[in-house]
Amino acid sequence: MQIQLSPAEHARLAAVAARSGRTPEQFATELLEAALRPVDPAFRAAVQEGLAQARRGEFIDEEEMERRIQEMLK
């Protein structure tokens, strides 16, 4: 399969790939593999809930985030 990119799109892909130390082909292949990988439904639901909370302006402060991270690492 071939994907047609405009010159501008190819330049952007090449720039991002170069920053990650990959060729545009390697970078594009990795992106496609990640996009096609199955996602756990529970994880997907948790992400969607987090996005909904963010849209409603429901955030926690940095101290609370640090506390939660430390709790997860125990």
C-alpha atoms as a PDB file:
ATOM      1  CA  MET A   1       0.000   0.000   0.000  1.00  0.00           C
ATOM      2  CA  GLN A   2       1.154   3.505  -0.712  1.00  0.00           C
ATOM      3  CA  ILE A   3      -0.027   6.675   0.952  1.00  0.00           C
ATOM      4  CA  GLN A   4       0.163   9.921  -0.962  1.00  0.00           C
ATOM      5  CA  LEU A   5       1.372  12.910   1.043  1.00  0.00           C
ATOM      6  CA  SER A   6       1.550  16.492  -0.085  1.00  0.00           C
ATOM      7  CA  PRO A   7       5.031  18.026  -0.046  1.00  0.00           C
ATOM      8  CA  ALA A   8       4.104  19.930   3.118  1.00  0.00           C
ATOM      9  CA  GLU A   9       2.838  16.777   4.837  1.00  0.00           C
ATOM     10  CA  HIS A  10       5.957  14.872   3.850  1.00  0.00           C
ATOM     11  CA  ALA A  11       8.157  17.673   5.194  1.00  0.00           C
ATOM     12  CA  ARG A  12       6.299  17.630   8.519  1.00  0.00           C
ATOM     13  CA  LEU A  13       6.587  13.838   8.731  1.00  0.00           C
ATOM     14  CA  ALA A  14      10.310  14.000   7.928  1.00  0.00           C
ATOM     15  CA  ALA A  15      10.890  16.673  10.575  1.00  0.00           C
ATOM     16  CA  VAL A  16       9.066  14.751  13.316  1.00  0.00           C
ATOM     17  CA  ALA A  17      10.770  11.509  12.332  1.00  0.00           C
ATOM     18  CA  ALA A  18      14.201  13.154  12.391  1.00  0.00           C
ATOM     19  CA  ARG A  19      13.609  14.467  15.932  1.00  0.00           C
ATOM     20  CA  SER A  20      12.905  10.898  17.039  1.00  0.00           C
ATOM     21  CA  GLY A  21      15.931   9.474  15.210  1.00  0.00           C
ATOM     22  CA  ARG A  22      13.871   7.534  12.671  1.00  0.00           C
ATOM     23  CA  THR A  23      13.323   7.698   8.944  1.00  0.00           C
ATOM     24  CA  PRO A  24       9.929   8.949   7.771  1.00  0.00           C
ATOM     25  CA  GLU A  25       9.097   5.393   6.704  1.00  0.00           C
ATOM     26  CA  GLN A  26       9.993   3.945  10.119  1.00  0.00           C
ATOM     27  CA  PHE A  27       8.061   6.633  11.931  1.00  0.00           C
ATOM     28  CA  ALA A  28       4.961   6.226   9.742  1.00  0.00           C
ATOM     29  CA  THR A  29       5.063   2.439  10.152  1.00  0.00           C
ATOM     30  CA  GLU A  30       5.231   2.763  13.940  1.00  0.00           C
ATOM     31  CA  LEU A  31       2.322   5.208  13.929  1.00  0.00           C
ATOM     32  CA  LEU A  32       0.193   2.848  11.876  1.00  0.00           C
ATOM     33  CA  GLU A  33       1.085  -0.144  14.046  1.00  0.00           C
ATOM     34  CA  ALA A  34       0.112   1.800  17.176  1.00  0.00           C
ATOM     35  CA  ALA A  35      -3.151   2.990  15.638  1.00  0.00           C
ATOM     36  CA  LEU A  36      -4.108  -0.539  14.598  1.00  0.00           C
ATOM     37  CA  ARG A  37      -3.241  -2.152  17.937  1.00  0.00           C
ATOM     38  CA  PRO A  38      -6.347  -3.202  19.906  1.00  0.00           C
ATOM     39  CA  VAL A  39      -7.208  -0.951  22.853  1.00  0.00           C
ATOM     40  CA  ASP A  40      -8.573  -2.292  26.114  1.00  0.00           C
ATOM     41  CA  PRO A  41     -12.219  -1.146  26.390  1.00  0.00           C
ATOM     42  CA  ALA A  42     -11.790  -0.222  30.073  1.00  0.00           C
ATOM     43  CA  PHE A  43      -8.787   1.960  29.231  1.00  0.00           C
ATOM     44  CA  ARG A  44     -10.695   3.610  26.379  1.00  0.00           C
ATOM     45  CA  ALA A  45     -13.638   4.337  28.728  1.00  0.00           C
ATOM     46  CA  ALA A  46     -11.316   5.840  31.359  1.00  0.00           C
ATOM     47  CA  VAL A  47      -9.676   8.105  28.772  1.00  0.00           C
ATOM     48  CA  GLN A  48     -13.074   9.245  27.475  1.00  0.00           C
ATOM     49  CA  GLU A  49     -14.213  10.037  31.025  1.00  0.00           C
ATOM     50  CA  GLY A  50     -11.035  12.027  31.652  1.00  0.00           C
ATOM     51  CA  LEU A  51     -11.564  14.013  28.464  1.00  0.00           C
ATOM     52  CA  ALA A  52     -15.174  14.712  29.443  1.00  0.00           C
ATOM     53  CA  GLN A  53     -14.031  15.950  32.861  1.00  0.00           C
ATOM     54  CA  ALA A  54     -11.457  18.227  31.251  1.00  0.00           C
ATOM     55  CA  ARG A  55     -14.098  19.678  28.906  1.00  0.00           C
ATOM     56  CA  ARG A  56     -16.230  20.448  31.978  1.00  0.00           C
ATOM     57  CA  GLY A  57     -13.251  22.188  33.595  1.00  0.00           C
ATOM     58  CA  GLU A  58     -12.852  19.548  36.294  1.00  0.00           C
ATOM     59  CA  PHE A  59      -9.147  19.420  37.091  1.00  0.00           C
ATOM     60  CA  ILE A  60      -7.120  18.450  40.132  1.00  0.00           C
ATOM     61  CA  ASP A  61      -4.246  20.539  41.408  1.00  0.00           C
ATOM     62  CA  GLU A  62      -0.600  19.548  41.186  1.00  0.00           C
ATOM     63  CA  GLU A  63      -0.377  18.464  44.828  1.00  0.00           C
ATOM     64  CA  GLU A  64      -3.310  16.066  44.401  1.00  0.00           C
ATOM     65  CA  MET A  65      -1.769  14.650  41.234  1.00  0.00           C
ATOM     66  CA  GLU A  66       1.536  14.085  43.035  1.00  0.00           C
ATOM     67  CA  ARG A  67      -0.293  12.345  45.909  1.00  0.00           C
ATOM     68  CA  ARG A  68      -2.118  10.043  43.470  1.00  0.00           C
ATOM     69  CA  ILE A  69       1.072   9.167  41.613  1.00  0.00           C
ATOM     70  CA  GLN A  70       2.886   8.364  44.837  1.00  0.00           C
ATOM     71  CA  GLU A  71      -0.039   6.173  45.914  1.00  0.00           C
ATOM     72  CA  MET A  72       0.082   4.247  42.612  1.00  0.00           C
ATOM     73  CA  LEU A  73       3.826   3.690  42.972  1.00  0.00           C
ATOM     74  CA  LYS A  74       3.493   2.052  46.407  1.00  0.00           C
END
